[in-house]
């Protein structure tokens, strides 16, 4: 029986920084992962993977999420660059 490999959250990097910004802003606007998933058309699991830095978002994904969490792409980029994980 194969052993399941546990997903390990990256310690740093742009994906982790993006995830931190996404989670903080999502909570600030009062959205659950489920609600953000429903309104964005993504699966809740996808939102979770993005927030944990396990998946890298496309530009299209970032633009779609930014509209919902009330950030511009430039604000998102600034916050990512200011993240302790970047």
N, C-alpha and C. Protein backbone atom coordinates (compact mmCIF):
# COMPACT_ATOMS: atom_id res chain seq x y z
N UNK A 1 0.85 -1.19 0.00
CA UNK A 1 0.00 0.00 0.00
C UNK A 1 0.89 1.25 0.00
N UNK A 2 0.69 2.15 -0.98
CA UNK A 2 1.55 3.34 -1.04
C UNK A 2 1.29 4.29 0.14
N UNK A 3 2.36 4.92 0.56
CA UNK A 3 2.27 5.88 1.65
C UNK A 3 1.87 7.23 1.07
N UNK A 4 0.86 7.85 1.69
CA UNK A 4 0.42 9.18 1.23
C UNK A 4 1.46 10.21 1.65
N UNK A 5 1.84 11.03 0.70
CA UNK A 5 2.80 12.09 0.98
C UNK A 5 2.06 13.30 1.54
N UNK A 6 2.50 13.77 2.67
CA UNK A 6 1.87 14.93 3.30
C UNK A 6 2.31 16.21 2.59
N UNK A 7 1.35 17.10 2.32
CA UNK A 7 1.69 18.37 1.70
C UNK A 7 2.28 19.28 2.77
N UNK A 8 3.42 19.83 2.46
CA UNK A 8 4.11 20.71 3.40
C UNK A 8 3.99 22.14 2.91
N UNK A 9 3.53 23.01 3.78
CA UNK A 9 3.38 24.41 3.43
C UNK A 9 4.76 25.03 3.25
N UNK A 10 4.99 25.75 2.16
CA UNK A 10 6.31 26.37 1.97
C UNK A 10 6.58 27.41 3.07
N UNK A 11 7.84 27.48 3.46
CA UNK A 11 8.22 28.43 4.52
C UNK A 11 8.21 29.87 4.02
N UNK A 12 8.52 30.05 2.74
CA UNK A 12 8.55 31.40 2.18
C UNK A 12 8.39 31.33 0.67
N UNK A 13 8.40 32.49 0.05
CA UNK A 13 8.28 32.56 -1.40
C UNK A 13 7.03 33.32 -1.81
N UNK A 14 6.93 33.65 -3.09
CA UNK A 14 5.80 34.45 -3.55
C UNK A 14 4.45 33.77 -3.36
N UNK A 15 4.38 32.45 -3.51
CA UNK A 15 3.11 31.76 -3.32
C UNK A 15 2.64 31.87 -1.88
N UNK A 16 3.56 31.69 -0.95
CA UNK A 16 3.21 31.79 0.47
C UNK A 16 2.80 33.23 0.82
N UNK A 17 3.51 34.21 0.27
CA UNK A 17 3.18 35.61 0.51
C UNK A 17 1.80 35.93 -0.07
N UNK A 18 1.51 35.46 -1.29
CA UNK A 18 0.20 35.66 -1.88
C UNK A 18 -0.88 35.06 -0.99
N UNK A 19 -0.65 33.86 -0.52
CA UNK A 19 -1.63 33.18 0.33
C UNK A 19 -1.92 33.94 1.61
N UNK A 20 -0.87 34.48 2.21
CA UNK A 20 -1.04 35.25 3.45
C UNK A 20 -1.90 36.49 3.19
N UNK A 21 -1.61 37.19 2.09
CA UNK A 21 -2.37 38.40 1.74
C UNK A 21 -3.82 38.04 1.42
N UNK A 22 -4.01 36.98 0.66
CA UNK A 22 -5.36 36.55 0.30
C UNK A 22 -6.19 36.23 1.55
N UNK A 23 -5.62 35.43 2.45
CA UNK A 23 -6.34 35.04 3.66
C UNK A 23 -6.69 36.26 4.52
N UNK A 24 -5.71 37.14 4.73
CA UNK A 24 -5.95 38.33 5.57
C UNK A 24 -7.04 39.22 4.99
N UNK A 25 -6.98 39.46 3.69
CA UNK A 25 -7.97 40.33 3.05
C UNK A 25 -9.34 39.65 2.98
N UNK A 26 -9.36 38.35 2.75
CA UNK A 26 -10.63 37.62 2.73
C UNK A 26 -11.33 37.75 4.08
N UNK A 27 -10.57 37.59 5.15
CA UNK A 27 -11.15 37.71 6.49
C UNK A 27 -11.58 39.15 6.76
N UNK A 28 -10.79 40.12 6.27
CA UNK A 28 -11.10 41.54 6.48
C UNK A 28 -12.45 41.91 5.85
N UNK A 29 -12.75 41.35 4.68
CA UNK A 29 -14.02 41.66 4.03
C UNK A 29 -15.15 40.75 4.51
N UNK A 30 -14.83 39.83 5.42
CA UNK A 30 -15.86 39.00 6.05
C UNK A 30 -16.29 37.79 5.24
N UNK A 31 -15.43 37.31 4.36
CA UNK A 31 -15.75 36.13 3.55
C UNK A 31 -15.16 34.88 4.18
N UNK A 32 -15.91 33.79 4.13
CA UNK A 32 -15.35 32.48 4.47
C UNK A 32 -14.69 31.95 3.19
N UNK A 33 -13.90 30.91 3.31
CA UNK A 33 -13.33 30.29 2.11
C UNK A 33 -14.46 29.80 1.21
N UNK A 34 -15.50 29.25 1.82
CA UNK A 34 -16.64 28.73 1.07
C UNK A 34 -17.31 29.84 0.24
N UNK A 35 -17.54 30.99 0.86
CA UNK A 35 -18.19 32.10 0.15
C UNK A 35 -17.32 32.63 -0.98
N UNK A 36 -16.02 32.78 -0.69
CA UNK A 36 -15.10 33.26 -1.74
C UNK A 36 -15.09 32.27 -2.90
N UNK A 37 -15.10 30.99 -2.59
CA UNK A 37 -15.11 29.96 -3.63
C UNK A 37 -16.39 30.06 -4.46
N UNK A 38 -17.52 30.17 -3.80
CA UNK A 38 -18.80 30.26 -4.50
C UNK A 38 -18.86 31.47 -5.43
N UNK A 39 -18.45 32.62 -4.91
CA UNK A 39 -18.55 33.86 -5.69
C UNK A 39 -17.51 33.96 -6.80
N UNK A 40 -16.37 33.27 -6.61
CA UNK A 40 -15.31 33.35 -7.62
C UNK A 40 -15.41 32.24 -8.66
N UNK A 41 -16.17 31.20 -8.35
CA UNK A 41 -16.29 30.08 -9.28
C UNK A 41 -15.21 29.03 -9.09
N UNK A 42 -14.41 29.17 -8.03
CA UNK A 42 -13.38 28.17 -7.72
C UNK A 42 -13.92 27.21 -6.67
N UNK A 43 -13.26 26.09 -6.53
CA UNK A 43 -13.58 25.13 -5.49
C UNK A 43 -12.99 25.63 -4.16
N UNK A 44 -13.62 25.30 -3.05
CA UNK A 44 -13.10 25.73 -1.75
C UNK A 44 -11.69 25.18 -1.53
N UNK A 45 -11.45 23.98 -2.01
CA UNK A 45 -10.12 23.37 -1.88
C UNK A 45 -9.07 24.21 -2.60
N UNK A 46 -9.43 24.77 -3.74
CA UNK A 46 -8.50 25.62 -4.49
C UNK A 46 -8.14 26.86 -3.68
N UNK A 47 -9.15 27.47 -3.04
CA UNK A 47 -8.89 28.64 -2.20
C UNK A 47 -7.95 28.26 -1.06
N UNK A 48 -8.19 27.12 -0.44
CA UNK A 48 -7.33 26.64 0.64
C UNK A 48 -5.90 26.43 0.16
N UNK A 49 -5.73 25.79 -0.99
CA UNK A 49 -4.38 25.55 -1.54
C UNK A 49 -3.67 26.87 -1.84
N UNK A 50 -4.40 27.84 -2.37
CA UNK A 50 -3.81 29.16 -2.64
C UNK A 50 -3.38 29.84 -1.35
N UNK A 51 -4.25 29.80 -0.34
CA UNK A 51 -3.94 30.47 0.93
C UNK A 51 -2.76 29.83 1.65
N UNK A 52 -2.55 28.56 1.45
CA UNK A 52 -1.42 27.87 2.09
C UNK A 52 -0.15 27.92 1.26
N UNK A 53 -0.24 28.54 0.08
CA UNK A 53 0.95 28.68 -0.77
C UNK A 53 1.32 27.41 -1.48
N UNK A 54 0.38 26.47 -1.61
CA UNK A 54 0.68 25.19 -2.25
C UNK A 54 0.42 25.21 -3.76
N UNK A 55 -0.28 26.24 -4.23
CA UNK A 55 -0.53 26.40 -5.67
C UNK A 55 -0.20 27.82 -6.05
N UNK A 56 0.28 27.97 -7.25
CA UNK A 56 0.62 29.29 -7.75
C UNK A 56 -0.55 29.82 -8.59
N UNK A 57 -1.06 31.00 -8.26
CA UNK A 57 -2.21 31.53 -8.99
C UNK A 57 -1.80 32.10 -10.35
N UNK A 58 -2.71 32.02 -11.31
CA UNK A 58 -2.49 32.68 -12.59
C UNK A 58 -2.88 34.15 -12.43
N UNK A 59 -2.51 34.94 -13.39
CA UNK A 59 -2.89 36.35 -13.38
C UNK A 59 -4.41 36.49 -13.42
N UNK A 60 -5.05 35.66 -14.21
CA UNK A 60 -6.52 35.67 -14.31
C UNK A 60 -7.15 35.35 -12.95
N UNK A 61 -6.58 34.38 -12.24
CA UNK A 61 -7.08 34.01 -10.91
C UNK A 61 -6.92 35.17 -9.94
N UNK A 62 -5.74 35.80 -9.97
CA UNK A 62 -5.50 36.93 -9.07
C UNK A 62 -6.47 38.06 -9.35
N UNK A 63 -6.71 38.36 -10.63
CA UNK A 63 -7.62 39.45 -10.99
C UNK A 63 -9.04 39.14 -10.52
N UNK A 64 -9.48 37.91 -10.71
CA UNK A 64 -10.83 37.52 -10.29
C UNK A 64 -10.99 37.63 -8.77
N UNK A 65 -10.00 37.15 -8.04
CA UNK A 65 -10.08 37.19 -6.57
C UNK A 65 -9.98 38.62 -6.05
N UNK A 66 -9.13 39.44 -6.69
CA UNK A 66 -8.98 40.83 -6.25
C UNK A 66 -10.30 41.59 -6.29
N UNK A 67 -11.10 41.38 -7.33
CA UNK A 67 -12.39 42.06 -7.42
C UNK A 67 -13.26 41.72 -6.21
N UNK A 68 -13.24 40.47 -5.81
CA UNK A 68 -14.10 40.02 -4.72
C UNK A 68 -13.60 40.47 -3.34
N UNK A 69 -12.28 40.51 -3.17
CA UNK A 69 -11.74 40.89 -1.85
C UNK A 69 -11.39 42.38 -1.78
N UNK A 70 -11.83 43.11 -2.81
CA UNK A 70 -11.70 44.57 -2.85
C UNK A 70 -10.26 45.08 -2.78
N UNK A 71 -9.43 44.53 -3.64
CA UNK A 71 -8.05 45.00 -3.79
C UNK A 71 -7.79 45.17 -5.28
N UNK A 72 -6.95 46.14 -5.63
CA UNK A 72 -6.49 46.22 -7.01
C UNK A 72 -5.29 45.29 -7.14
N UNK A 73 -4.95 44.95 -8.37
CA UNK A 73 -3.77 44.11 -8.57
C UNK A 73 -2.50 44.78 -8.04
N UNK A 74 -2.41 46.11 -8.19
CA UNK A 74 -1.22 46.80 -7.70
C UNK A 74 -1.17 46.79 -6.17
N UNK A 75 -2.32 46.91 -5.51
CA UNK A 75 -2.35 46.80 -4.04
C UNK A 75 -1.94 45.39 -3.61
N UNK A 76 -2.42 44.40 -4.34
CA UNK A 76 -2.06 43.02 -4.04
C UNK A 76 -0.54 42.84 -4.15
N UNK A 77 0.03 43.33 -5.25
CA UNK A 77 1.48 43.20 -5.46
C UNK A 77 2.27 43.89 -4.35
N UNK A 78 1.83 45.08 -3.95
CA UNK A 78 2.52 45.80 -2.87
C UNK A 78 2.47 45.02 -1.57
N UNK A 79 1.31 44.45 -1.27
CA UNK A 79 1.18 43.67 -0.03
C UNK A 79 2.00 42.38 -0.07
N UNK A 80 2.07 41.77 -1.23
CA UNK A 80 2.89 40.56 -1.37
C UNK A 80 4.35 40.92 -1.12
N UNK A 81 4.81 42.02 -1.73
CA UNK A 81 6.21 42.44 -1.56
C UNK A 81 6.52 42.84 -0.13
N UNK A 82 5.50 43.29 0.62
CA UNK A 82 5.70 43.69 2.01
C UNK A 82 5.60 42.52 2.99
N UNK A 83 5.17 41.37 2.49
CA UNK A 83 4.98 40.20 3.34
C UNK A 83 6.30 39.68 3.89
N UNK A 84 6.27 39.18 5.09
CA UNK A 84 7.48 38.60 5.70
C UNK A 84 7.89 37.30 5.00
N UNK A 85 6.97 36.74 4.21
CA UNK A 85 7.26 35.50 3.51
C UNK A 85 7.86 35.71 2.12
N UNK A 86 7.83 36.96 1.63
CA UNK A 86 8.30 37.23 0.27
C UNK A 86 9.78 37.28 0.20
